[in-house]
């Protein structure tokens, strides 16, 4: 069973309009690579739009995956990505 991200249990990251990410726990700006390291360290985190308060955690995590896939050793084949897209059509 996975733990749902909530403001009480998750490390809060705010994303500002200038695309900068701010870690409220360390009171410092961080990069997308830093967010990736938090995920790899099994940190529960929540990313919110600083202006609207909207939870954008999923889109930031997808952005990390997209950058990884653009690298030298992608995890997903074109066929695997096509299958994922087809699941949305069901």
PDB file of N, CA and C in Angstrom:
ATOM      1  N   UNK A   1       0.843  -1.169   0.000  1.00  0.00           N
ATOM      2  CA  UNK A   1       0.000   0.000   0.000  1.00  0.00           C
ATOM      3  C   UNK A   1       0.896   1.244   0.000  1.00  0.00           C
ATOM      4  N   UNK A   2       0.606   2.195  -0.876  1.00  0.00           N
ATOM      5  CA  UNK A   2       1.414   3.408  -0.955  1.00  0.00           C
ATOM      6  C   UNK A   2       0.788   4.501  -0.113  1.00  0.00           C
ATOM      7  N   UNK A   3       1.643   5.355   0.379  1.00  0.00           N
ATOM      8  CA  UNK A   3       1.173   6.474   1.188  1.00  0.00           C
ATOM      9  C   UNK A   3       0.833   7.631   0.265  1.00  0.00           C
ATOM     10  N   UNK A   4      -0.345   8.191   0.451  1.00  0.00           N
ATOM     11  CA  UNK A   4      -0.779   9.332  -0.346  1.00  0.00           C
ATOM     12  C   UNK A   4      -0.048  10.585   0.119  1.00  0.00           C
ATOM     13  N   UNK A   5       0.395  11.395  -0.826  1.00  0.00           N
ATOM     14  CA  UNK A   5       1.043  12.653  -0.460  1.00  0.00           C
ATOM     15  C   UNK A   5       0.027  13.602   0.146  1.00  0.00           C
ATOM     16  N   UNK A   6       0.315  14.079   1.329  1.00  0.00           N
ATOM     17  CA  UNK A   6      -0.515  15.095   1.966  1.00  0.00           C
ATOM     18  C   UNK A   6       0.404  16.170   2.507  1.00  0.00           C
ATOM     19  N   UNK A   7      -0.089  17.368   2.693  1.00  0.00           N
ATOM     20  CA  UNK A   7       0.764  18.436   3.225  1.00  0.00           C
ATOM     21  C   UNK A   7       1.351  18.093   4.595  1.00  0.00           C
ATOM     22  N   UNK A   8       0.677  17.242   5.380  1.00  0.00           N
ATOM     23  CA  UNK A   8       1.171  16.898   6.713  1.00  0.00           C
ATOM     24  C   UNK A   8       2.321  15.899   6.685  1.00  0.00           C
ATOM     25  N   UNK A   9       2.389  15.058   5.649  1.00  0.00           N
ATOM     26  CA  UNK A   9       3.388  13.994   5.627  1.00  0.00           C
ATOM     27  C   UNK A   9       4.464  14.168   4.566  1.00  0.00           C
ATOM     28  N   UNK A  10       4.229  15.020   3.591  1.00  0.00           N
ATOM     29  CA  UNK A  10       5.140  15.140   2.461  1.00  0.00           C
ATOM     30  C   UNK A  10       6.073  16.337   2.613  1.00  0.00           C
ATOM     31  N   UNK A  11       7.251  16.188   2.030  1.00  0.00           N
ATOM     32  CA  UNK A  11       8.192  17.306   1.937  1.00  0.00           C
ATOM     33  C   UNK A  11       7.640  18.252   0.883  1.00  0.00           C
ATOM     34  N   UNK A  12       7.442  19.504   1.232  1.00  0.00           N
ATOM     35  CA  UNK A  12       6.783  20.452   0.348  1.00  0.00           C
ATOM     36  C   UNK A  12       7.795  21.194  -0.513  1.00  0.00           C
ATOM     37  N   UNK A  13       7.572  21.102  -1.818  1.00  0.00           N
ATOM     38  CA  UNK A  13       8.375  21.826  -2.806  1.00  0.00           C
ATOM     39  C   UNK A  13       7.429  22.784  -3.522  1.00  0.00           C
ATOM     40  N   UNK A  14       7.815  24.047  -3.603  1.00  0.00           N
ATOM     41  CA  UNK A  14       6.994  25.031  -4.308  1.00  0.00           C
ATOM     42  C   UNK A  14       7.655  25.370  -5.637  1.00  0.00           C
ATOM     43  N   UNK A  15       6.829  25.391  -6.687  1.00  0.00           N
ATOM     44  CA  UNK A  15       7.337  25.766  -8.009  1.00  0.00           C
ATOM     45  C   UNK A  15       6.832  27.164  -8.339  1.00  0.00           C
ATOM     46  N   UNK A  16       7.755  28.057  -8.582  1.00  0.00           N
ATOM     47  CA  UNK A  16       7.432  29.451  -8.856  1.00  0.00           C
ATOM     48  C   UNK A  16       7.294  29.691 -10.361  1.00  0.00           C
ATOM     49  N   UNK A  17       6.633  30.787 -10.741  1.00  0.00           N
ATOM     50  CA  UNK A  17       6.427  31.082 -12.171  1.00  0.00           C
ATOM     51  C   UNK A  17       7.724  31.131 -12.985  1.00  0.00           C
ATOM     52  N   UNK A  18       8.834  31.484 -12.344  1.00  0.00           N
ATOM     53  CA  UNK A  18      10.116  31.524 -13.057  1.00  0.00           C
ATOM     54  C   UNK A  18      10.711  30.126 -13.226  1.00  0.00           C
ATOM     55  N   UNK A  19       9.908  29.082 -12.922  1.00  0.00           N
ATOM     56  CA  UNK A  19      10.254  27.664 -13.072  1.00  0.00           C
ATOM     57  C   UNK A  19      11.222  27.166 -12.001  1.00  0.00           C
ATOM     58  N   UNK A  20      11.476  27.979 -10.995  1.00  0.00           N
ATOM     59  CA  UNK A  20      12.372  27.559  -9.923  1.00  0.00           C
ATOM     60  C   UNK A  20      11.603  26.765  -8.888  1.00  0.00           C
ATOM     61  N   UNK A  21      12.297  25.780  -8.326  1.00  0.00           N
ATOM     62  CA  UNK A  21      11.721  24.917  -7.297  1.00  0.00           C
ATOM     63  C   UNK A  21      12.311  25.306  -5.948  1.00  0.00           C
ATOM     64  N   UNK A  22      11.449  25.437  -4.944  1.00  0.00           N
ATOM     65  CA  UNK A  22      11.884  25.870  -3.622  1.00  0.00           C
ATOM     66  C   UNK A  22      11.507  24.805  -2.606  1.00  0.00           C
ATOM     67  N   UNK A  23      12.523  24.245  -1.942  1.00  0.00           N
ATOM     68  CA  UNK A  23      12.322  23.231  -0.907  1.00  0.00           C
ATOM     69  C   UNK A  23      12.057  23.945   0.411  1.00  0.00           C
ATOM     70  N   UNK A  24      10.828  23.811   0.909  1.00  0.00           N
ATOM     71  CA  UNK A  24      10.463  24.523   2.132  1.00  0.00           C
ATOM     72  C   UNK A  24      11.126  23.919   3.371  1.00  0.00           C
ATOM     73  N   UNK A  25      11.590  22.683   3.271  1.00  0.00           N
ATOM     74  CA  UNK A  25      12.263  22.060   4.420  1.00  0.00           C
ATOM     75  C   UNK A  25      13.664  22.621   4.628  1.00  0.00           C
ATOM     76  N   UNK A  26      14.372  22.848   3.525  1.00  0.00           N
ATOM     77  CA  UNK A  26      15.739  23.354   3.627  1.00  0.00           C
ATOM     78  C   UNK A  26      15.821  24.862   3.384  1.00  0.00           C
ATOM     79  N   UNK A  27      14.690  25.470   3.021  1.00  0.00           N
ATOM     80  CA  UNK A  27      14.633  26.903   2.699  1.00  0.00           C
ATOM     81  C   UNK A  27      15.663  27.275   1.632  1.00  0.00           C
ATOM     82  N   UNK A  28      15.672  26.471   0.558  1.00  0.00           N
ATOM     83  CA  UNK A  28      16.630  26.706  -0.515  1.00  0.00           C
ATOM     84  C   UNK A  28      16.017  26.313  -1.855  1.00  0.00           C
ATOM     85  N   UNK A  29      16.494  26.971  -2.912  1.00  0.00           N
ATOM     86  CA  UNK A  29      16.079  26.580  -4.250  1.00  0.00           C
ATOM     87  C   UNK A  29      16.796  25.298  -4.628  1.00  0.00           C
ATOM     88  N   UNK A  30      16.082  24.417  -5.341  1.00  0.00           N
ATOM     89  CA  UNK A  30      16.659  23.139  -5.773  1.00  0.00           C
ATOM     90  C   UNK A  30      16.395  22.953  -7.258  1.00  0.00           C
ATOM     91  N   UNK A  31      17.064  21.983  -7.824  1.00  0.00           N
ATOM     92  CA  UNK A  31      16.904  21.677  -9.242  1.00  0.00           C
ATOM     93  C   UNK A  31      16.035  20.438  -9.410  1.00  0.00           C
ATOM     94  N   UNK A  32      15.682  20.165 -10.641  1.00  0.00           N
ATOM     95  CA  UNK A  32      14.944  18.945 -10.953  1.00  0.00           C
ATOM     96  C   UNK A  32      15.778  17.717 -10.589  1.00  0.00           C
ATOM     97  N   UNK A  33      17.092  17.814 -10.771  1.00  0.00           N
ATOM     98  CA  UNK A  33      17.985  16.710 -10.390  1.00  0.00           C
ATOM     99  C   UNK A  33      17.929  16.477  -8.881  1.00  0.00           C
ATOM    100  N   UNK A  34      17.782  17.547  -8.106  1.00  0.00           N
ATOM    101  CA  UNK A  34      17.648  17.398  -6.659  1.00  0.00           C
ATOM    102  C   UNK A  34      16.339  16.692  -6.299  1.00  0.00           C
ATOM    103  N   UNK A  35      15.278  17.027  -7.017  1.00  0.00           N
ATOM    104  CA  UNK A  35      13.992  16.359  -6.781  1.00  0.00           C
ATOM    105  C   UNK A  35      14.140  14.872  -7.092  1.00  0.00           C
ATOM    106  N   UNK A  36      14.838  14.559  -8.171  1.00  0.00           N
ATOM    107  CA  UNK A  36      15.084  13.158  -8.526  1.00  0.00           C
ATOM    108  C   UNK A  36      15.818  12.451  -7.386  1.00  0.00           C
ATOM    109  N   UNK A  37      16.812  13.100  -6.803  1.00  0.00           N
ATOM    110  CA  UNK A  37      17.559  12.502  -5.695  1.00  0.00           C
ATOM    111  C   UNK A  37      16.668  12.278  -4.476  1.00  0.00           C
ATOM    112  N   UNK A  38      15.731  13.188  -4.226  1.00  0.00           N
ATOM    113  CA  UNK A  38      14.785  13.008  -3.127  1.00  0.00           C
ATOM    114  C   UNK A  38      13.918  11.773  -3.364  1.00  0.00           C
ATOM    115  N   UNK A  39      13.476  11.606  -4.601  1.00  0.00           N
ATOM    116  CA  UNK A  39      12.672  10.432  -4.954  1.00  0.00           C
ATOM    117  C   UNK A  39      13.498   9.162  -4.766  1.00  0.00           C
ATOM    118  N   UNK A  40      14.735   9.184  -5.245  1.00  0.00           N
ATOM    119  CA  UNK A  40      15.608   8.018  -5.100  1.00  0.00           C
ATOM    120  C   UNK A  40      15.893   7.694  -3.636  1.00  0.00           C
ATOM    121  N   UNK A  41      15.838   8.711  -2.771  1.00  0.00           N
ATOM    122  CA  UNK A  41      16.056   8.526  -1.338  1.00  0.00           C
ATOM    123  C   UNK A  41      14.752   8.163  -0.609  1.00  0.00           C
ATOM    124  N   UNK A  42      13.711   7.871  -1.395  1.00  0.00           N
ATOM    125  CA  UNK A  42      12.402   7.481  -0.853  1.00  0.00           C
ATOM    126  C   UNK A  42      11.733   8.565  -0.024  1.00  0.00           C
ATOM    127  N   UNK A  43      12.033   9.817  -0.313  1.00  0.00           N
ATOM    128  CA  UNK A  43      11.357  10.938   0.352  1.00  0.00           C
ATOM    129  C   UNK A  43       9.942  11.043  -0.213  1.00  0.00           C
ATOM    130  N   UNK A  44       8.978  11.237   0.647  1.00  0.00           N
ATOM    131  CA  UNK A  44       7.627  11.551   0.200  1.00  0.00           C
ATOM    132  C   UNK A  44       7.591  13.050  -0.026  1.00  0.00           C
ATOM    133  N   UNK A  45       7.201  13.457  -1.228  1.00  0.00           N
ATOM    134  CA  UNK A  45       7.203  14.881  -1.512  1.00  0.00           C
ATOM    135  C   UNK A  45       5.945  15.294  -2.240  1.00  0.00           C
ATOM    136  N   UNK A  46       5.665  16.565  -2.154  1.00  0.00           N
ATOM    137  CA  UNK A  46       4.548  17.167  -2.857  1.00  0.00           C
ATOM    138  C   UNK A  46       5.052  18.457  -3.473  1.00  0.00           C
ATOM    139  N   UNK A  47       4.788  18.616  -4.766  1.00  0.00           N
ATOM    140  CA  UNK A  47       5.173  19.833  -5.462  1.00  0.00           C
ATOM    141  C   UNK A  47       3.900  20.616  -5.749  1.00  0.00           C
ATOM    142  N   UNK A  48       3.885  21.862  -5.331  1.00  0.00           N
ATOM    143  CA  UNK A  48       2.711  22.705  -5.568  1.00  0.00           C
ATOM    144  C   UNK A  48       3.112  23.949  -6.335  1.00  0.00           C
ATOM    145  N   UNK A  49       2.182  24.433  -7.144  1.00  0.00           N
ATOM    146  CA  UNK A  49       2.370  25.701  -7.824  1.00  0.00           C
ATOM    147  C   UNK A  49       2.288  26.793  -6.765  1.00  0.00           C
ATOM    148  N   UNK A  50       3.317  27.603  -6.641  1.00  0.00           N
ATOM    149  CA  UNK A  50       3.382  28.607  -5.579  1.00  0.00           C
ATOM    150  C   UNK A  50       2.275  29.641  -5.693  1.00  0.00           C
ATOM    151  N   UNK A  51       1.836  29.924  -6.899  1.00  0.00           N
ATOM    152  CA  UNK A  51       0.817  30.957  -7.089  1.00  0.00           C
ATOM    153  C   UNK A  51      -0.599  30.425  -6.846  1.00  0.00           C
ATOM    154  N   UNK A  52      -0.915  29.260  -7.442  1.00  0.00           N
ATOM    155  CA  UNK A  52      -2.281  28.741  -7.367  1.00  0.00           C
ATOM    156  C   UNK A  52      -2.489  27.734  -6.238  1.00  0.00           C
ATOM    157  N   UNK A  53      -1.386  27.139  -5.753  1.00  0.00           N
ATOM    158  CA  UNK A  53      -1.504  26.097  -4.739  1.00  0.00           C
ATOM    159  C   UNK A  53      -1.852  24.737  -5.316  1.00  0.00           C
ATOM    160  N   UNK A  54      -1.975  24.645  -6.641  1.00  0.00           N
ATOM    161  CA  UNK A  54      -2.314  23.392  -7.316  1.00  0.00           C
ATOM    162  C   UNK A  54      -1.204  22.355  -7.114  1.00  0.00           C
ATOM    163  N   UNK A  55      -1.602  21.120  -6.854  1.00  0.00           N
ATOM    164  CA  UNK A  55      -0.647  20.024  -6.712  1.00  0.00           C
ATOM    165  C   UNK A  55      -0.158  19.629  -8.103  1.00  0.00           C
ATOM    166  N   UNK A  56       1.124  19.822  -8.362  1.00  0.00           N
ATOM    167  CA  UNK A  56       1.708  19.509  -9.670  1.00  0.00           C
ATOM    168  C   UNK A  56       2.777  18.427  -9.548  1.00  0.00           C
ATOM    169  N   UNK A  57       2.688  17.637  -8.487  1.00  0.00           N
ATOM    170  CA  UNK A  57       3.683  16.589  -8.238  1.00  0.00           C
ATOM    171  C   UNK A  57       3.814  15.650  -9.430  1.00  0.00           C
ATOM    172  N   UNK A  58       2.691  15.166  -9.936  1.00  0.00           N
ATOM    173  CA  UNK A  58       2.741  14.206 -11.048  1.00  0.00           C
ATOM    174  C   UNK A  58       3.434  14.792 -12.271  1.00  0.00           C
ATOM    175  N   UNK A  59       3.130  16.041 -12.608  1.00  0.00           N
ATOM    176  CA  UNK A  59       3.738  16.629 -13.802  1.00  0.00           C
ATOM    177  C   UNK A  59       5.246  16.815 -13.629  1.00  0.00           C
ATOM    178  N   UNK A  60       5.687  17.138 -12.426  1.00  0.00           N
ATOM    179  CA  UNK A  60       7.131  17.278 -12.178  1.00  0.00           C
ATOM    180  C   UNK A  60       7.808  15.910 -12.262  1.00  0.00           C
ATOM    181  N   UNK A  61       7.184  14.880 -11.702  1.00  0.00           N
ATOM    182  CA  UNK A  61       7.755  13.528 -11.787  1.00  0.00           C
ATOM    183  C   UNK A  61       7.797  13.039 -13.234  1.00  0.00           C
ATOM    184  N   UNK A  62       6.753  13.349 -14.002  1.00  0.00           N
ATOM    185  CA  UNK A  62       6.762  12.998 -15.424  1.00  0.00           C
ATOM    186  C   UNK A  62       7.857  13.748 -16.175  1.00  0.00           C
ATOM    187  N   UNK A  63       8.116  14.975 -15.782  1.00  0.00           N
ATOM    188  CA  UNK A  63       9.189  15.751 -16.401  1.00  0.00           C
ATOM    189  C   UNK A  63      10.548  15.089 -16.140  1.00  0.00           C
ATOM    190  N   UNK A  64      10.731  14.564 -14.934  1.00  0.00           N
ATOM    191  CA  UNK A  64      11.974  13.857 -14.613  1.00  0.00           C
ATOM    192  C   UNK A  64      12.107  12.624 -15.500  1.00  0.00           C
ATOM    193  N   UNK A  65      11.017  11.869 -15.644  1.00  0.00           N
ATOM    194  CA  UNK A  65      11.048  10.678 -16.501  1.00  0.00           C
ATOM    195  C   UNK A  65      11.354  11.071 -17.937  1.00  0.00           C
ATOM    196  N   UNK A  66      10.738  12.149 -18.419  1.00  0.00           N
ATOM    197  CA  UNK A  66      10.976  12.611 -19.786  1.00  0.00           C
ATOM    198  C   UNK A  66      12.445  12.939 -20.013  1.00  0.00           C
ATOM    199  N   UNK A  67      13.057  13.623 -19.054  1.00  0.00           N
ATOM    200  CA  UNK A  67      14.477  13.955 -19.185  1.00  0.00           C
ATOM    201  C   UNK A  67      15.349  12.700 -19.172  1.00  0.00           C
ATOM    202  N   UNK A  68      14.980  11.731 -18.329  1.00  0.00           N
ATOM    203  CA  UNK A  68      15.731  10.475 -18.288  1.00  0.00           C
ATOM    204  C   UNK A  68      15.607   9.730 -19.621  1.00  0.00           C
ATOM    205  N   UNK A  69      14.403   9.747 -20.187  1.00  0.00           N
ATOM    206  CA  UNK A  69      14.168   9.055 -21.457  1.00  0.00           C
ATOM    207  C   UNK A  69      14.915   9.709 -22.611  1.00  0.00           C
ATOM    208  N   UNK A  70      15.192  11.004 -22.502  1.00  0.00           N
ATOM    209  CA  UNK A  70      15.928  11.713 -23.553  1.00  0.00           C
ATOM    210  C   UNK A  70      17.422  11.426 -23.478  1.00  0.00           C
ATOM    211  N   UNK A  71      17.847  10.785 -22.401  1.00  0.00           N
ATOM    212  CA  UNK A  71      19.268  10.478 -22.211  1.00  0.00           C
ATOM    213  C   UNK A  71      19.735   9.328 -23.074  1.00  0.00           C
ATOM    214  N   UNK A  72      20.917   8.854 -22.784  1.00  0.00           N
ATOM    215  CA  UNK A  72      21.567   7.817 -23.591  1.00  0.00           C
ATOM    216  C   UNK A  72      20.940   6.433 -23.444  1.00  0.00           C
ATOM    217  N   UNK A  73      20.387   6.119 -22.285  1.00  0.00           N
ATOM    218  CA  UNK A  73      19.876   4.774 -22.039  1.00  0.00           C
ATOM    219  C   UNK A  73      18.415   4.849 -21.583  1.00  0.00           C
ATOM    220  N   UNK A  74      17.489   5.012 -22.527  1.00  0.00           N
ATOM    221  CA  UNK A  74      16.084   5.094 -22.142  1.00  0.00           C
ATOM    222  C   UNK A  74      15.583   3.772 -21.580  1.00  0.00           C
ATOM    223  N   UNK A  75      14.627   3.856 -20.660  1.00  0.00           N
ATOM    224  CA  UNK A  75      14.064   2.674 -20.031  1.00  0.00           C
ATOM    225  C   UNK A  75      12.933   2.077 -20.873  1.00  0.00           C
ATOM    226  N   UNK A  76      12.165   2.941 -21.524  1.00  0.00           N
ATOM    227  CA  UNK A  76      10.992   2.492 -22.254  1.00  0.00           C
ATOM    228  C   UNK A  76      11.265   2.453 -23.754  1.00  0.00           C
ATOM    229  N   UNK A  77      10.860   1.349 -24.378  1.00  0.00           N
ATOM    230  CA  UNK A  77      10.944   1.264 -25.832  1.00  0.00           C
ATOM    231  C   UNK A  77       9.775   2.035 -26.425  1.00  0.00           C
ATOM    232  N   UNK A  78       9.826   2.276 -27.716  1.00  0.00           N
ATOM    233  CA  UNK A  78       8.720   2.950 -28.395  1.00  0.00           C
ATOM    234  C   UNK A  78       7.436   2.131 -28.248  1.00  0.00           C
ATOM    235  N   UNK A  79       7.556   0.804 -28.304  1.00  0.00           N
ATOM    236  CA  UNK A  79       6.382  -0.053 -28.153  1.00  0.00           C
ATOM    237  C   UNK A  79       5.785   0.069 -26.750  1.00  0.00           C
ATOM    238  N   UNK A  80       6.627   0.118 -25.727  1.00  0.00           N
ATOM    239  CA  UNK A  80       6.132   0.253 -24.355  1.00  0.00           C
ATOM    240  C   UNK A  80       5.419   1.589 -24.177  1.00  0.00           C
ATOM    241  N   UNK A  81       5.970   2.654 -24.722  1.00  0.00           N
ATOM    242  CA  UNK A  81       5.329   3.969 -24.638  1.00  0.00           C
ATOM    243  C   UNK A  81       3.995   3.976 -25.382  1.00  0.00           C
ATOM    244  N   UNK A  82       3.944   3.309 -26.531  1.00  0.00           N
ATOM    245  CA  UNK A  82       2.689   3.225 -27.287  1.00  0.00           C
ATOM    246  C   UNK A  82       1.627   2.481 -26.480  1.00  0.00           C
ATOM    247  N   UNK A  83       2.033   1.424 -25.777  1.00  0.00           N
ATOM    248  CA  UNK A  83       1.089   0.683 -24.935  1.00  0.00           C
ATOM    249  C   UNK A  83       0.542   1.559 -23.809  1.00  0.00           C
ATOM    250  N   UNK A  84       1.397   2.351 -23.202  1.00  0.00           N
ATOM    251  CA  UNK A  84       0.939   3.253 -22.136  1.00  0.00           C
ATOM    252  C   UNK A  84      -0.080   4.234 -22.692  1.00  0.00           C
ATOM    253  N   UNK A  85       0.178   4.790 -23.860  1.00  0.00           N
ATOM    254  CA  UNK A  85      -0.757   5.725 -24.482  1.00  0.00           C
ATOM    255  C   UNK A  85      -2.082   5.033 -24.774  1.00  0.00           C
ATOM    256  N   UNK A  86      -2.019   3.795 -25.213  1.00  0.00           N
ATOM    257  CA  UNK A  86      -3.261   3.051 -25.529  1.00  0.00           C
ATOM    258  C   UNK A  86      -4.104   2.834 -24.281  1.00  0.00           C
ATOM    259  N   UNK A  87      -3.481   2.693 -23.105  1.00  0.00           N
ATOM    260  CA  UNK A  87      -4.238   2.528 -21.870  1.00  0.00           C
ATOM    261  C   UNK A  87      -5.133   3.739 -21.598  1.00  0.00           C
ATOM    262  N   UNK A  88      -4.705   4.915 -22.025  1.00  0.00           N
ATOM    263  CA  UNK A  88      -5.515   6.118 -21.860  1.00  0.00           C
ATOM    264  C   UNK A  88      -6.737   6.102 -22.784  1.00  0.00           C
ATOM    265  N   UNK A  89      -6.652   5.335 -23.860  1.00  0.00           N
ATOM    266  CA  UNK A  89      -7.764   5.268 -24.806  1.00  0.00           C
ATOM    267  C   UNK A  89      -8.839   4.282 -24.413  1.00  0.00           C
ATOM    268  N   UNK A  90      -8.633   3.533 -23.358  1.00  0.00           N
ATOM    269  CA  UNK A  90      -9.598   2.507 -22.938  1.00  0.00           C
ATOM    270  C   UNK A  90     -10.777   3.138 -22.249  1.00  0.00           C
TER     271      UNK A  90
END
